Amino acid sequence: MVTYENKSFRFLPAKLIVVTLNVFDRFSLLFVRLNINPNFLSFLGLISGILVGVFYGLSRPGWALVFLVFCGMLDILDGKVATNGNKKTLFGAIFDSSLDRYSEFAIYLGLGFYFRNHWILWGLAFAFLGSTMVSYTRARAESLGIDCRIGVMQRAERIVLLILATLAGIIIHHFDEVMMTAIIILAVVSNFTAIQRIVYVYRFEKKKKGPPF
């Protein structure tokens, strides 16, 4: 996989990402010792995502928040367990990525049911489109041999934004307003991230070709 230096801004601070990954790296060793299959953790992540959507749809944001946290944790753990347990496989990689997409769809579907009579449904449609395009552009770039892990609103940021919005909405008792704001941010910034990745590949190709003679 080929890359070139491109310092892309992310909503989550780099130090926070590193610390979090280090914590889960150590925590994953417990699952390795228990011989837990990382694909099982990916499946649990899907179940968590479905439950998030169900509880959003049932107007139970507190329970949605609980399973959002589980979903985010499992999203990190499955990869760490696969790496540290020497269980990385091609099937595991596509299994994990595919279940992540289904999980996100379930979450947006639940929010769509909750806001079923509201104009924010348009925002949800574009938020899901953006989330899907962020994943697609990375996968397409990597199929071309280009490492494309850049962008403002990656999966971790999307999960964290939903967690913070749900928590804030519960605390201040204005769940609808806070969540609609988060959905608009997701819709705009996720699609911007997809465009970032497209531009990244364009610049990569120009840099590889070099200046004309």
N, C-alpha and C. Protein backbone atom coordinates (compact mmCIF):
# COMPACT_ATOMS: atom_id res chain seq x y z
N MET A 1 0.85 -1.20 0.00
CA MET A 1 0.00 0.00 0.00
C MET A 1 0.88 1.24 0.00
N VAL A 2 0.61 2.15 -0.92
CA VAL A 2 1.44 3.35 -1.08
C VAL A 2 0.71 4.57 -0.53
N THR A 3 1.46 5.47 0.07
CA THR A 3 0.86 6.69 0.59
C THR A 3 1.84 7.84 0.42
N TYR A 4 1.35 9.04 0.65
CA TYR A 4 2.25 10.18 0.73
C TYR A 4 1.78 11.06 1.88
N GLU A 5 2.69 11.85 2.40
CA GLU A 5 2.37 12.62 3.60
C GLU A 5 1.26 13.63 3.32
N ASN A 6 0.22 13.57 4.14
CA ASN A 6 -0.89 14.49 3.99
C ASN A 6 -1.51 14.69 5.38
N LYS A 7 -1.16 15.77 6.02
CA LYS A 7 -1.61 16.01 7.39
C LYS A 7 -3.04 16.53 7.37
N SER A 8 -3.98 15.60 7.50
CA SER A 8 -5.39 15.94 7.42
C SER A 8 -5.95 16.15 8.82
N PHE A 9 -6.71 17.22 8.97
CA PHE A 9 -7.34 17.53 10.26
C PHE A 9 -8.43 16.51 10.57
N ARG A 10 -8.51 16.11 11.85
CA ARG A 10 -9.59 15.24 12.31
C ARG A 10 -10.24 15.90 13.52
N PHE A 11 -11.55 15.66 13.69
CA PHE A 11 -12.25 16.23 14.84
C PHE A 11 -11.68 15.69 16.16
N LEU A 12 -11.32 14.41 16.17
CA LEU A 12 -10.75 13.83 17.39
C LEU A 12 -9.26 14.13 17.44
N PRO A 13 -8.77 14.67 18.57
CA PRO A 13 -7.34 14.97 18.68
C PRO A 13 -6.49 13.71 18.51
N ALA A 14 -5.35 13.86 17.84
CA ALA A 14 -4.48 12.72 17.56
C ALA A 14 -4.03 12.03 18.85
N LYS A 15 -3.72 12.82 19.88
CA LYS A 15 -3.27 12.23 21.14
C LYS A 15 -4.36 11.39 21.79
N LEU A 16 -5.60 11.87 21.70
CA LEU A 16 -6.73 11.11 22.26
C LEU A 16 -6.90 9.79 21.52
N ILE A 17 -6.75 9.82 20.20
CA ILE A 17 -6.86 8.60 19.41
C ILE A 17 -5.78 7.60 19.80
N VAL A 18 -4.54 8.09 19.94
CA VAL A 18 -3.41 7.22 20.29
C VAL A 18 -3.61 6.60 21.67
N VAL A 19 -4.00 7.42 22.64
CA VAL A 19 -4.22 6.93 24.01
C VAL A 19 -5.32 5.88 24.04
N THR A 20 -6.43 6.18 23.35
CA THR A 20 -7.56 5.25 23.31
C THR A 20 -7.16 3.92 22.68
N LEU A 21 -6.44 3.98 21.57
CA LEU A 21 -6.02 2.76 20.90
C LEU A 21 -5.06 1.96 21.77
N ASN A 22 -4.19 2.64 22.51
CA ASN A 22 -3.27 1.95 23.41
C ASN A 22 -4.00 1.24 24.54
N VAL A 23 -5.03 1.91 25.08
CA VAL A 23 -5.83 1.30 26.15
C VAL A 23 -6.52 0.04 25.64
N PHE A 24 -7.14 0.14 24.48
CA PHE A 24 -7.85 -1.01 23.92
C PHE A 24 -6.88 -2.10 23.45
N ASP A 25 -5.67 -1.69 23.09
CA ASP A 25 -4.65 -2.67 22.72
C ASP A 25 -4.34 -3.58 23.90
N ARG A 26 -4.20 -2.97 25.08
CA ARG A 26 -3.93 -3.75 26.28
C ARG A 26 -5.16 -4.56 26.70
N PHE A 27 -6.33 -3.94 26.60
CA PHE A 27 -7.57 -4.61 26.99
C PHE A 27 -7.84 -5.82 26.09
N SER A 28 -7.43 -5.72 24.84
CA SER A 28 -7.67 -6.81 23.89
C SER A 28 -6.92 -8.08 24.25
N LEU A 29 -5.83 -7.93 25.00
CA LEU A 29 -5.04 -9.10 25.38
C LEU A 29 -5.85 -10.07 26.23
N LEU A 30 -6.80 -9.54 27.01
CA LEU A 30 -7.69 -10.40 27.80
C LEU A 30 -8.51 -11.30 26.88
N PHE A 31 -9.04 -10.72 25.81
CA PHE A 31 -9.85 -11.48 24.86
C PHE A 31 -8.99 -12.48 24.08
N VAL A 32 -7.73 -12.11 23.85
CA VAL A 32 -6.81 -13.03 23.18
C VAL A 32 -6.57 -14.25 24.05
N ARG A 33 -6.34 -14.01 25.36
CA ARG A 33 -6.11 -15.12 26.29
C ARG A 33 -7.34 -16.01 26.41
N LEU A 34 -8.52 -15.42 26.27
CA LEU A 34 -9.76 -16.19 26.34
C LEU A 34 -10.09 -16.85 25.00
N ASN A 35 -9.23 -16.62 24.02
CA ASN A 35 -9.39 -17.20 22.68
C ASN A 35 -10.72 -16.81 22.03
N ILE A 36 -11.09 -15.53 22.21
CA ILE A 36 -12.30 -15.01 21.59
C ILE A 36 -12.03 -14.71 20.12
N ASN A 37 -12.89 -15.19 19.26
CA ASN A 37 -12.73 -14.94 17.83
C ASN A 37 -13.10 -13.49 17.51
N PRO A 38 -12.23 -12.75 16.82
CA PRO A 38 -12.55 -11.35 16.50
C PRO A 38 -13.81 -11.20 15.65
N ASN A 39 -14.12 -12.21 14.83
CA ASN A 39 -15.35 -12.15 14.04
C ASN A 39 -16.59 -12.17 14.92
N PHE A 40 -16.48 -12.84 16.06
CA PHE A 40 -17.59 -12.85 17.02
C PHE A 40 -17.79 -11.45 17.60
N LEU A 41 -16.69 -10.75 17.87
CA LEU A 41 -16.79 -9.39 18.38
C LEU A 41 -17.39 -8.47 17.32
N SER A 42 -17.03 -8.69 16.06
CA SER A 42 -17.63 -7.90 14.97
C SER A 42 -19.13 -8.14 14.91
N PHE A 43 -19.54 -9.39 15.11
CA PHE A 43 -20.97 -9.72 15.10
C PHE A 43 -21.68 -9.05 16.27
N LEU A 44 -21.04 -9.04 17.44
CA LEU A 44 -21.63 -8.35 18.59
C LEU A 44 -21.76 -6.86 18.32
N GLY A 45 -20.79 -6.30 17.57
CA GLY A 45 -20.87 -4.90 17.19
C GLY A 45 -22.10 -4.63 16.33
N LEU A 46 -22.40 -5.56 15.43
CA LEU A 46 -23.60 -5.43 14.61
C LEU A 46 -24.85 -5.48 15.47
N ILE A 47 -24.92 -6.43 16.39
CA ILE A 47 -26.07 -6.54 17.29
C ILE A 47 -26.24 -5.25 18.10
N SER A 48 -25.12 -4.69 18.57
CA SER A 48 -25.17 -3.44 19.32
C SER A 48 -25.73 -2.31 18.46
N GLY A 49 -25.27 -2.24 17.20
CA GLY A 49 -25.77 -1.21 16.29
C GLY A 49 -27.26 -1.35 16.03
N ILE A 50 -27.71 -2.59 15.87
CA ILE A 50 -29.15 -2.82 15.66
C ILE A 50 -29.94 -2.37 16.88
N LEU A 51 -29.44 -2.69 18.07
CA LEU A 51 -30.13 -2.29 19.29
C LEU A 51 -30.15 -0.77 19.46
N VAL A 52 -29.07 -0.11 19.02
CA VAL A 52 -29.07 1.36 19.04
C VAL A 52 -30.24 1.88 18.22
N GLY A 53 -30.36 1.35 17.00
CA GLY A 53 -31.45 1.78 16.12
C GLY A 53 -32.82 1.48 16.71
N VAL A 54 -32.96 0.30 17.31
CA VAL A 54 -34.24 -0.09 17.93
C VAL A 54 -34.61 0.88 19.04
N PHE A 55 -33.65 1.20 19.90
CA PHE A 55 -33.96 2.07 21.04
C PHE A 55 -34.15 3.52 20.61
N TYR A 56 -33.47 3.97 19.56
CA TYR A 56 -33.78 5.29 19.01
C TYR A 56 -35.23 5.30 18.51
N GLY A 57 -35.58 4.25 17.77
CA GLY A 57 -36.93 4.17 17.22
C GLY A 57 -38.00 4.10 18.29
N LEU A 58 -37.67 3.51 19.44
CA LEU A 58 -38.62 3.38 20.55
C LEU A 58 -38.59 4.58 21.48
N SER A 59 -37.84 5.62 21.08
CA SER A 59 -37.71 6.84 21.90
C SER A 59 -37.08 6.55 23.26
N ARG A 60 -36.05 5.71 23.26
CA ARG A 60 -35.31 5.37 24.48
C ARG A 60 -33.85 5.73 24.27
N PRO A 61 -33.55 7.03 24.24
CA PRO A 61 -32.18 7.46 23.94
C PRO A 61 -31.16 7.01 24.98
N GLY A 62 -31.59 6.80 26.21
CA GLY A 62 -30.66 6.34 27.24
C GLY A 62 -30.09 4.97 26.91
N TRP A 63 -30.97 4.05 26.52
CA TRP A 63 -30.51 2.72 26.12
C TRP A 63 -29.75 2.76 24.80
N ALA A 64 -30.17 3.65 23.91
CA ALA A 64 -29.44 3.81 22.65
C ALA A 64 -28.00 4.24 22.94
N LEU A 65 -27.83 5.12 23.91
CA LEU A 65 -26.51 5.60 24.30
C LEU A 65 -25.64 4.45 24.82
N VAL A 66 -26.24 3.60 25.66
CA VAL A 66 -25.50 2.46 26.22
C VAL A 66 -24.94 1.58 25.10
N PHE A 67 -25.79 1.24 24.14
CA PHE A 67 -25.34 0.34 23.08
C PHE A 67 -24.48 1.05 22.04
N LEU A 68 -24.60 2.37 21.95
CA LEU A 68 -23.67 3.13 21.11
C LEU A 68 -22.25 3.01 21.64
N VAL A 69 -22.12 3.10 22.95
CA VAL A 69 -20.80 2.97 23.58
C VAL A 69 -20.25 1.56 23.33
N PHE A 70 -21.09 0.54 23.51
CA PHE A 70 -20.67 -0.84 23.24
C PHE A 70 -20.24 -0.99 21.78
N CYS A 71 -21.02 -0.39 20.89
CA CYS A 71 -20.74 -0.48 19.46
C CYS A 71 -19.37 0.12 19.14
N GLY A 72 -19.10 1.28 19.72
CA GLY A 72 -17.81 1.93 19.51
C GLY A 72 -16.65 1.13 20.07
N MET A 73 -16.85 0.56 21.26
CA MET A 73 -15.80 -0.25 21.88
C MET A 73 -15.51 -1.50 21.06
N LEU A 74 -16.55 -2.17 20.62
CA LEU A 74 -16.37 -3.40 19.85
C LEU A 74 -15.74 -3.12 18.49
N ASP A 75 -16.00 -1.94 17.95
CA ASP A 75 -15.44 -1.55 16.67
C ASP A 75 -13.91 -1.46 16.75
N ILE A 76 -13.40 -1.10 17.91
CA ILE A 76 -11.95 -1.04 18.11
C ILE A 76 -11.40 -2.41 18.50
N LEU A 77 -12.14 -3.09 19.40
CA LEU A 77 -11.65 -4.34 19.96
C LEU A 77 -11.46 -5.45 18.93
N ASP A 78 -12.39 -5.57 17.99
CA ASP A 78 -12.28 -6.70 17.06
C ASP A 78 -10.99 -6.65 16.26
N GLY A 79 -10.61 -5.45 15.83
CA GLY A 79 -9.35 -5.31 15.10
C GLY A 79 -8.13 -5.57 15.96
N LYS A 80 -8.17 -5.09 17.20
CA LYS A 80 -7.04 -5.29 18.11
C LYS A 80 -6.88 -6.77 18.46
N VAL A 81 -8.00 -7.46 18.69
CA VAL A 81 -7.94 -8.89 19.01
C VAL A 81 -7.41 -9.67 17.81
N ALA A 82 -7.85 -9.29 16.62
CA ALA A 82 -7.37 -9.96 15.41
C ALA A 82 -5.86 -9.79 15.25
N THR A 83 -5.37 -8.58 15.52
CA THR A 83 -3.94 -8.30 15.38
C THR A 83 -3.12 -8.99 16.47
N ASN A 84 -3.51 -8.77 17.72
CA ASN A 84 -2.74 -9.33 18.84
C ASN A 84 -2.88 -10.83 18.97
N GLY A 85 -3.99 -11.38 18.47
CA GLY A 85 -4.17 -12.83 18.53
C GLY A 85 -3.70 -13.53 17.27
N ASN A 86 -3.09 -12.77 16.37
CA ASN A 86 -2.60 -13.32 15.10
C ASN A 86 -3.73 -14.03 14.35
N LYS A 87 -4.90 -13.38 14.30
CA LYS A 87 -6.06 -13.97 13.65
C LYS A 87 -6.60 -13.09 12.53
N LYS A 88 -5.73 -12.26 11.97
CA LYS A 88 -6.16 -11.40 10.86
C LYS A 88 -6.32 -12.25 9.60
N THR A 89 -7.49 -12.15 8.99
CA THR A 89 -7.76 -12.89 7.75
C THR A 89 -8.44 -11.96 6.75
N LEU A 90 -8.41 -12.34 5.49
CA LEU A 90 -9.09 -11.56 4.46
C LEU A 90 -10.60 -11.58 4.70
N PHE A 91 -11.11 -12.76 5.09
CA PHE A 91 -12.53 -12.85 5.38
C PHE A 91 -12.90 -11.95 6.56
N GLY A 92 -12.08 -11.97 7.60
CA GLY A 92 -12.35 -11.16 8.79
C GLY A 92 -12.40 -9.68 8.45
N ALA A 93 -11.53 -9.25 7.55
CA ALA A 93 -11.48 -7.84 7.17
C ALA A 93 -12.78 -7.42 6.47
N ILE A 94 -13.21 -8.22 5.48
CA ILE A 94 -14.43 -7.84 4.76
C ILE A 94 -15.67 -8.07 5.61
N PHE A 95 -15.63 -9.07 6.49
CA PHE A 95 -16.74 -9.34 7.40
C PHE A 95 -16.95 -8.15 8.34
N ASP A 96 -15.86 -7.67 8.91
CA ASP A 96 -15.92 -6.53 9.84
C ASP A 96 -16.43 -5.27 9.13
N SER A 97 -15.85 -4.97 7.96
CA SER A 97 -16.26 -3.76 7.24
C SER A 97 -17.72 -3.83 6.80
N SER A 98 -18.15 -4.99 6.37
CA SER A 98 -19.53 -5.15 5.92
C SER A 98 -20.51 -4.98 7.08
N LEU A 99 -20.19 -5.60 8.22
CA LEU A 99 -21.08 -5.48 9.37
C LEU A 99 -21.13 -4.05 9.90
N ASP A 100 -20.01 -3.33 9.77
CA ASP A 100 -20.01 -1.91 10.17
C ASP A 100 -21.02 -1.11 9.36
N ARG A 101 -21.10 -1.41 8.06
CA ARG A 101 -22.06 -0.69 7.21
C ARG A 101 -23.50 -1.03 7.61
N TYR A 102 -23.76 -2.30 7.86
CA TYR A 102 -25.11 -2.70 8.30
C TYR A 102 -25.44 -2.08 9.65
N SER A 103 -24.45 -2.01 10.52
CA SER A 103 -24.65 -1.42 11.84
C SER A 103 -25.03 0.05 11.74
N GLU A 104 -24.29 0.78 10.90
CA GLU A 104 -24.61 2.21 10.71
C GLU A 104 -25.99 2.39 10.10
N PHE A 105 -26.32 1.52 9.14
CA PHE A 105 -27.64 1.61 8.54
C PHE A 105 -28.74 1.43 9.58
N ALA A 106 -28.54 0.47 10.49
CA ALA A 106 -29.53 0.22 11.55
C ALA A 106 -29.69 1.44 12.45
N ILE A 107 -28.58 2.09 12.76
CA ILE A 107 -28.63 3.29 13.60
C ILE A 107 -29.41 4.40 12.91
N TYR A 108 -29.08 4.66 11.64
CA TYR A 108 -29.78 5.71 10.90
C TYR A 108 -31.25 5.35 10.67
N LEU A 109 -31.52 4.06 10.48
CA LEU A 109 -32.90 3.62 10.29
C LEU A 109 -33.72 3.90 11.55
N GLY A 110 -33.13 3.62 12.71
CA GLY A 110 -33.82 3.89 13.97
C GLY A 110 -34.09 5.37 14.16
N LEU A 111 -33.09 6.20 13.83
CA LEU A 111 -33.29 7.64 13.92
C LEU A 111 -34.34 8.10 12.90
N GLY A 112 -34.34 7.46 11.73
CA GLY A 112 -35.33 7.81 10.72
C GLY A 112 -36.75 7.51 11.19
N PHE A 113 -36.90 6.38 11.88
CA PHE A 113 -38.22 6.05 12.41
C PHE A 113 -38.63 7.04 13.50
N TYR A 114 -37.66 7.43 14.32
CA TYR A 114 -37.95 8.40 15.39
C TYR A 114 -38.38 9.74 14.79
N PHE A 115 -37.70 10.17 13.73
CA PHE A 115 -38.02 11.45 13.09
C PHE A 115 -38.87 11.25 11.82
N ARG A 116 -39.69 10.22 11.81
CA ARG A 116 -40.39 9.82 10.59
C ARG A 116 -41.30 10.89 10.01
N ASN A 117 -41.74 11.84 10.80
CA ASN A 117 -42.63 12.89 10.30
C ASN A 117 -41.95 14.25 10.26
N HIS A 118 -40.62 14.25 10.15
CA HIS A 118 -39.86 15.50 10.25
C HIS A 118 -38.98 15.68 9.01
N TRP A 119 -38.72 16.95 8.66
CA TRP A 119 -37.88 17.26 7.50
C TRP A 119 -36.45 16.76 7.65
N ILE A 120 -36.02 16.48 8.90
CA ILE A 120 -34.65 16.05 9.13
C ILE A 120 -34.37 14.68 8.49
N LEU A 121 -35.43 14.02 8.02
CA LEU A 121 -35.23 12.77 7.29
C LEU A 121 -34.31 12.97 6.08
N TRP A 122 -34.42 14.15 5.44
CA TRP A 122 -33.53 14.46 4.32
C TRP A 122 -32.08 14.52 4.81
N GLY A 123 -31.89 15.12 5.97
CA GLY A 123 -30.55 15.18 6.55
C GLY A 123 -30.01 13.79 6.84
N LEU A 124 -30.87 12.91 7.35
CA LEU A 124 -30.45 11.54 7.64
C LEU A 124 -30.05 10.80 6.37
N ALA A 125 -30.82 11.04 5.30
CA ALA A 125 -30.49 10.39 4.03
C ALA A 125 -29.10 10.79 3.56
N PHE A 126 -28.78 12.09 3.65
CA PHE A 126 -27.47 12.56 3.22
C PHE A 126 -26.37 12.16 4.21
N ALA A 127 -26.73 12.02 5.49
CA ALA A 127 -25.76 11.56 6.48
C ALA A 127 -25.36 10.12 6.19
N PHE A 128 -26.35 9.29 5.87
CA PHE A 128 -26.03 7.89 5.55
C PHE A 128 -25.26 7.80 4.24
N LEU A 129 -25.65 8.61 3.25
CA LEU A 129 -24.91 8.64 2.00
C LEU A 129 -23.45 9.01 2.25
N GLY A 130 -23.23 10.06 3.05
CA GLY A 130 -21.87 10.49 3.35
C GLY A 130 -21.08 9.42 4.07
N SER A 131 -21.71 8.78 5.05
CA SER A 131 -21.03 7.72 5.81
C SER A 131 -20.62 6.58 4.89
N THR A 132 -21.52 6.22 3.98
CA THR A 132 -21.23 5.14 3.04
C THR A 132 -20.11 5.53 2.07
N MET A 133 -20.16 6.79 1.60
CA MET A 133 -19.15 7.25 0.65
C MET A 133 -17.77 7.37 1.29
N VAL A 134 -17.72 7.70 2.58
CA VAL A 134 -16.43 7.76 3.28
C VAL A 134 -15.77 6.38 3.24
N SER A 135 -16.56 5.35 3.52
CA SER A 135 -16.02 3.99 3.51
C SER A 135 -15.69 3.54 2.08
N TYR A 136 -16.57 3.88 1.15
CA TYR A 136 -16.37 3.44 -0.24
C TYR A 136 -15.11 4.06 -0.84
N THR A 137 -14.91 5.36 -0.63
CA THR A 137 -13.76 6.02 -1.23
C THR A 137 -12.45 5.46 -0.69
N ARG A 138 -12.43 5.12 0.60
CA ARG A 138 -11.22 4.50 1.15
C ARG A 138 -10.99 3.12 0.53
N ALA A 139 -12.07 2.31 0.48
CA ALA A 139 -11.94 0.97 -0.08
C ALA A 139 -11.52 1.02 -1.55
N ARG A 140 -12.10 1.95 -2.29
CA ARG A 140 -11.76 2.06 -3.73
C ARG A 140 -10.32 2.51 -3.90
N ALA A 141 -9.89 3.46 -3.08
CA ALA A 141 -8.51 3.93 -3.17
C ALA A 141 -7.54 2.80 -2.82
N GLU A 142 -7.86 2.04 -1.78
CA GLU A 142 -6.97 0.95 -1.37
C GLU A 142 -6.94 -0.16 -2.42
N SER A 143 -8.04 -0.33 -3.17
CA SER A 143 -8.02 -1.32 -4.25
C SER A 143 -7.08 -0.89 -5.38
N LEU A 144 -6.79 0.42 -5.42
CA LEU A 144 -5.84 0.96 -6.39
C LEU A 144 -4.42 1.03 -5.84
N GLY A 145 -4.27 0.55 -4.60
CA GLY A 145 -2.95 0.53 -3.97
C GLY A 145 -2.58 1.80 -3.25
N ILE A 146 -3.58 2.60 -2.89
CA ILE A 146 -3.33 3.88 -2.22
C ILE A 146 -3.91 3.85 -0.81
N ASP A 147 -3.08 4.07 0.19
CA ASP A 147 -3.55 4.13 1.57
C ASP A 147 -4.28 5.45 1.78
N CYS A 148 -5.56 5.38 2.12
CA CYS A 148 -6.39 6.59 2.16
C CYS A 148 -7.16 6.68 3.47
N ARG A 149 -6.42 6.83 4.57
CA ARG A 149 -7.05 6.89 5.89
C ARG A 149 -7.11 8.33 6.40
N ILE A 150 -7.54 9.22 5.55
CA ILE A 150 -7.58 10.63 5.92
C ILE A 150 -9.02 11.11 5.96
N GLY A 151 -9.22 12.29 6.53
CA GLY A 151 -10.56 12.86 6.52
C GLY A 151 -11.01 13.36 7.87
N VAL A 152 -11.89 14.36 7.84
CA VAL A 152 -12.39 14.99 9.06
C VAL A 152 -13.33 14.09 9.83
N MET A 153 -14.29 13.47 9.13
CA MET A 153 -15.35 12.71 9.79
C MET A 153 -15.27 11.23 9.42
N GLN A 154 -14.34 10.53 10.07
CA GLN A 154 -14.21 9.10 9.86
C GLN A 154 -15.16 8.37 10.81
N ARG A 155 -15.15 7.03 10.77
CA ARG A 155 -16.13 6.26 11.55
C ARG A 155 -16.06 6.58 13.04
N ALA A 156 -14.84 6.71 13.57
CA ALA A 156 -14.71 7.00 15.00
C ALA A 156 -15.38 8.32 15.35
N GLU A 157 -15.18 9.34 14.51
CA GLU A 157 -15.81 10.64 14.76
C GLU A 157 -17.33 10.56 14.68
N ARG A 158 -17.83 9.76 13.76
CA ARG A 158 -19.28 9.63 13.62
C ARG A 158 -19.90 9.00 14.86
N ILE A 159 -19.26 7.96 15.36
CA ILE A 159 -19.76 7.29 16.57
C ILE A 159 -19.69 8.23 17.76
N VAL A 160 -18.55 8.92 17.91
CA VAL A 160 -18.37 9.83 19.05
C VAL A 160 -19.38 10.97 18.99
N LEU A 161 -19.62 11.51 17.79
CA LEU A 161 -20.59 12.60 17.65
C LEU A 161 -21.99 12.14 18.07
N LEU A 162 -22.38 10.94 17.66
CA LEU A 162 -23.69 10.42 18.05
C LEU A 162 -23.77 10.19 19.55
N ILE A 163 -22.68 9.70 20.14
CA ILE A 163 -22.65 9.49 21.60
C ILE A 163 -22.81 10.82 22.33
N LEU A 164 -22.01 11.82 21.92
CA LEU A 164 -22.06 13.12 22.59
C LEU A 164 -23.41 13.80 22.41
N ALA A 165 -23.98 13.70 21.20
CA ALA A 165 -25.27 14.33 20.94
C ALA A 165 -26.38 13.66 21.75
N THR A 166 -26.34 12.34 21.82
CA THR A 166 -27.35 11.62 22.60
C THR A 166 -27.23 11.96 24.08
N LEU A 167 -26.00 11.97 24.58
CA LEU A 167 -25.77 12.30 25.99
C LEU A 167 -26.21 13.72 26.30
N ALA A 168 -25.82 14.67 25.45
CA ALA A 168 -26.19 16.07 25.67
C ALA A 168 -27.70 16.25 25.61
N GLY A 169 -28.34 15.60 24.65
CA GLY A 169 -29.79 15.71 24.51
C GLY A 169 -30.53 15.21 25.74
N ILE A 170 -30.00 14.12 26.33
CA ILE A 170 -30.61 13.56 27.54
C ILE A 170 -30.42 14.51 28.72
N ILE A 171 -29.20 15.05 28.85
CA ILE A 171 -28.88 15.90 30.00
C ILE A 171 -29.67 17.20 30.00
N ILE A 172 -29.77 17.84 28.83
CA ILE A 172 -30.44 19.15 28.78
C ILE A 172 -31.93 19.04 28.41
N HIS A 173 -32.38 17.78 28.23
CA HIS A 173 -33.80 17.53 27.93
C HIS A 173 -34.27 18.19 26.63
N HIS A 174 -33.37 18.24 25.65
CA HIS A 174 -33.72 18.73 24.32
C HIS A 174 -33.12 17.77 23.28
N PHE A 175 -33.52 16.52 23.40
CA PHE A 175 -32.93 15.48 22.56
C PHE A 175 -33.13 15.76 21.07
N ASP A 176 -34.33 16.14 20.69
CA ASP A 176 -34.63 16.34 19.27
C ASP A 176 -33.74 17.41 18.65
N GLU A 177 -33.64 18.55 19.33
CA GLU A 177 -32.87 19.66 18.78
C GLU A 177 -31.38 19.32 18.67
N VAL A 178 -30.85 18.69 19.72
CA VAL A 178 -29.42 18.34 19.70
C VAL A 178 -29.13 17.29 18.64
N MET A 179 -29.99 16.28 18.56
CA MET A 179 -29.76 15.21 17.58
C MET A 179 -29.91 15.72 16.15
N MET A 180 -30.85 16.64 15.91
CA MET A 180 -30.99 17.19 14.56
C MET A 180 -29.75 17.98 14.17
N THR A 181 -29.17 18.69 15.12
CA THR A 181 -27.93 19.41 14.86
C THR A 181 -26.82 18.44 14.49
N ALA A 182 -26.73 17.33 15.25
CA ALA A 182 -25.71 16.32 14.97
C ALA A 182 -25.91 15.69 13.60
N ILE A 183 -27.16 15.46 13.23
CA ILE A 183 -27.45 14.85 11.93
C ILE A 183 -27.02 15.78 10.80
N ILE A 184 -27.27 17.07 10.95
CA ILE A 184 -26.85 18.04 9.93
C ILE A 184 -25.33 18.06 9.80
N ILE A 185 -24.65 18.02 10.96
CA ILE A 185 -23.18 17.99 10.94
C ILE A 185 -22.69 16.72 10.24
N LEU A 186 -23.31 15.59 10.56
CA LEU A 186 -22.93 14.33 9.92
C LEU A 186 -23.14 14.40 8.41
N ALA A 187 -24.29 14.95 8.01
CA ALA A 187 -24.61 15.02 6.58
C ALA A 187 -23.59 15.86 5.82
N VAL A 188 -23.24 17.00 6.39
CA VAL A 188 -22.32 17.92 5.70
C VAL A 188 -20.88 17.42 5.75
N VAL A 189 -20.42 17.08 6.95
CA VAL A 189 -18.99 16.79 7.11
C VAL A 189 -18.63 15.39 6.60
N SER A 190 -19.55 14.43 6.66
CA SER A 190 -19.25 13.11 6.10
C SER A 190 -19.06 13.20 4.59
N ASN A 191 -19.93 13.93 3.93
CA ASN A 191 -19.77 14.08 2.48
C ASN A 191 -18.52 14.88 2.14
N PHE A 192 -18.18 15.86 2.98
CA PHE A 192 -16.94 16.60 2.79
C PHE A 192 -15.74 15.67 2.92
N THR A 193 -15.80 14.73 3.86
CA THR A 193 -14.72 13.78 4.05
C THR A 193 -14.54 12.89 2.83
N ALA A 194 -15.67 12.46 2.25
CA ALA A 194 -15.58 11.65 1.02
C ALA A 194 -14.90 12.44 -0.09
N ILE A 195 -15.23 13.72 -0.20
CA ILE A 195 -14.60 14.57 -1.21
C ILE A 195 -13.11 14.74 -0.91
N GLN A 196 -12.77 14.86 0.39
CA GLN A 196 -11.36 14.94 0.78
C GLN A 196 -10.58 13.75 0.24
N ARG A 197 -11.16 12.57 0.36
CA ARG A 197 -10.47 11.35 -0.06
C ARG A 197 -10.34 11.29 -1.58
N ILE A 198 -11.34 11.76 -2.29
CA ILE A 198 -11.26 11.80 -3.75
C ILE A 198 -10.14 12.74 -4.17
N VAL A 199 -10.08 13.92 -3.54
CA VAL A 199 -9.03 14.89 -3.83
C VAL A 199 -7.66 14.34 -3.46
N TYR A 200 -7.60 13.58 -2.37
CA TYR A 200 -6.34 12.96 -1.94
C TYR A 200 -5.78 12.05 -3.03
N VAL A 201 -6.65 11.23 -3.61
CA VAL A 201 -6.22 10.33 -4.68
C VAL A 201 -5.76 11.13 -5.90
N TYR A 202 -6.49 12.20 -6.21
CA TYR A 202 -6.11 13.06 -7.34
C TYR A 202 -4.71 13.64 -7.13
N ARG A 203 -4.48 14.15 -5.92
CA ARG A 203 -3.17 14.75 -5.63
C ARG A 203 -2.07 13.70 -5.60
N PHE A 204 -2.43 12.51 -5.10
CA PHE A 204 -1.47 11.42 -5.06
C PHE A 204 -1.00 11.08 -6.48
N GLU A 205 -1.96 11.00 -7.40
CA GLU A 205 -1.62 10.66 -8.77
C GLU A 205 -0.76 11.75 -9.41
N LYS A 206 -1.09 13.01 -9.16
CA LYS A 206 -0.31 14.11 -9.73
C LYS A 206 1.11 14.09 -9.16
N LYS A 207 1.23 13.82 -7.86
CA LYS A 207 2.54 13.79 -7.22
C LYS A 207 3.37 12.63 -7.76
N LYS A 208 2.70 11.50 -8.01
CA LYS A 208 3.40 10.33 -8.52
C LYS A 208 3.93 10.55 -9.92
N LYS A 209 3.13 11.25 -10.74
CA LYS A 209 3.56 11.52 -12.12
C LYS A 209 4.67 12.54 -12.17
N GLY A 210 4.65 13.49 -11.20
CA GLY A 210 5.70 14.49 -11.19
C GLY A 210 5.44 15.59 -12.19
N PRO A 211 6.24 16.65 -12.17
CA PRO A 211 6.05 17.77 -13.11
C PRO A 211 6.35 17.35 -14.54
N PRO A 212 5.64 17.91 -15.51
CA PRO A 212 5.90 17.57 -16.93
C PRO A 212 7.26 18.09 -17.36
N PHE A 213 7.91 17.40 -18.30
CA PHE A 213 9.21 17.81 -18.80
C PHE A 213 9.07 18.93 -19.82
